[in-house]
């Protein structure tokens, strides 16, 4: 899930640079960030529940959560890049 979110976000950032005068890309990007935040939040909730209910799999679940959290600063950096290039 986290890798797919990263891939789509990166694709939207590249499209922003390719089509610099397109407000549609920025609008789609904003909606994508909101939807992605919701979906990744639900995924994090699932990982928390799995961490509690599956103590034998905790190292793997913790790794997945760290990968999921890695998207937060990446999204912030992408957001700053878009804001400064508008």
Protein backbone atom coordinates (compact mmCIF):
# COMPACT_ATOMS: atom_id res chain seq x y z
CA UNK A 1 0.00 0.00 0.00
CA UNK A 2 2.74 2.46 0.95
CA UNK A 3 4.74 1.75 -2.19
CA UNK A 4 1.69 2.25 -4.40
CA UNK A 5 0.94 5.56 -2.65
CA UNK A 6 4.54 6.66 -3.15
CA UNK A 7 4.42 5.67 -6.84
CA UNK A 8 1.20 7.54 -7.56
CA UNK A 9 2.42 10.62 -5.67
CA UNK A 10 5.69 10.61 -7.60
CA UNK A 11 3.80 10.22 -10.88
CA UNK A 12 1.62 13.21 -10.02
CA UNK A 13 4.71 15.26 -9.15
CA UNK A 14 6.31 14.37 -12.50
CA UNK A 15 3.08 15.25 -14.32
CA UNK A 16 3.11 18.60 -12.52
CA UNK A 17 6.55 19.32 -13.98
CA UNK A 18 5.58 18.10 -17.45
CA UNK A 19 2.33 20.10 -17.57
CA UNK A 20 3.37 23.19 -15.58
CA UNK A 21 0.39 25.29 -16.65
CA UNK A 22 -2.21 22.65 -15.79
CA UNK A 23 -4.28 23.45 -12.72
CA UNK A 24 -5.99 20.08 -13.13
CA UNK A 25 -2.83 18.24 -12.03
CA UNK A 26 -2.64 20.35 -8.86
CA UNK A 27 -6.34 19.77 -8.12
CA UNK A 28 -6.00 16.02 -8.68
CA UNK A 29 -2.90 16.05 -6.47
CA UNK A 30 -4.73 17.74 -3.62
CA UNK A 31 -7.59 15.26 -3.81
CA UNK A 32 -5.10 12.41 -4.06
CA UNK A 33 -3.30 13.54 -0.89
CA UNK A 34 -6.60 13.71 1.00
CA UNK A 35 -7.79 10.30 -0.21
CA UNK A 36 -4.36 8.78 0.33
CA UNK A 37 -4.27 10.18 3.87
CA UNK A 38 -7.59 8.49 4.62
CA UNK A 39 -6.62 5.15 3.08
CA UNK A 40 -3.17 5.10 4.67
CA UNK A 41 -4.73 6.07 8.01
CA UNK A 42 -7.04 3.07 7.76
CA UNK A 43 -4.07 0.89 6.86
CA UNK A 44 -2.20 2.18 9.91
CA UNK A 45 -5.22 1.34 12.08
CA UNK A 46 -5.21 -2.18 10.65
CA UNK A 47 -1.49 -2.51 11.37
CA UNK A 48 -2.03 -1.38 14.96
CA UNK A 49 -4.78 -3.96 15.41
CA UNK A 50 -2.56 -6.65 13.83
CA UNK A 51 0.33 -5.63 16.10
CA UNK A 52 -1.89 -6.13 19.15
CA UNK A 53 -3.51 -9.38 18.01
CA UNK A 54 -0.50 -11.04 16.36
CA UNK A 55 2.46 -10.81 18.74
CA UNK A 56 4.51 -13.32 16.71
CA UNK A 57 4.41 -11.08 13.63
CA UNK A 58 5.30 -7.82 15.38
CA UNK A 59 8.68 -7.28 13.67
CA UNK A 60 7.11 -7.59 10.23
CA UNK A 61 4.17 -5.36 11.21
CA UNK A 62 6.54 -2.74 12.64
CA UNK A 63 8.52 -2.75 9.39
CA UNK A 64 5.32 -2.22 7.40
CA UNK A 65 4.32 0.65 9.68
CA UNK A 66 7.73 2.32 9.23
CA UNK A 67 7.39 2.09 5.46
CA UNK A 68 3.91 3.57 5.73
CA UNK A 69 5.21 6.43 7.92
CA UNK A 70 7.99 7.14 5.42
CA UNK A 71 5.35 8.53 3.07
CA UNK A 72 4.56 11.39 5.44
CA UNK A 73 7.81 13.37 5.01
CA UNK A 74 7.95 12.46 1.32
CA UNK A 75 4.45 13.87 0.83
CA UNK A 76 5.44 17.03 2.72
CA UNK A 77 8.52 17.53 0.53
CA UNK A 78 6.47 16.96 -2.65
CA UNK A 79 3.90 19.47 -1.38
CA UNK A 80 6.61 22.08 -0.78
CA UNK A 81 8.07 21.46 -4.24
CA UNK A 82 4.68 22.02 -5.86
CA UNK A 83 3.94 25.14 -3.81
CA UNK A 84 7.30 26.73 -4.67
CA UNK A 85 7.00 25.93 -8.36
CA UNK A 86 3.51 27.42 -8.83
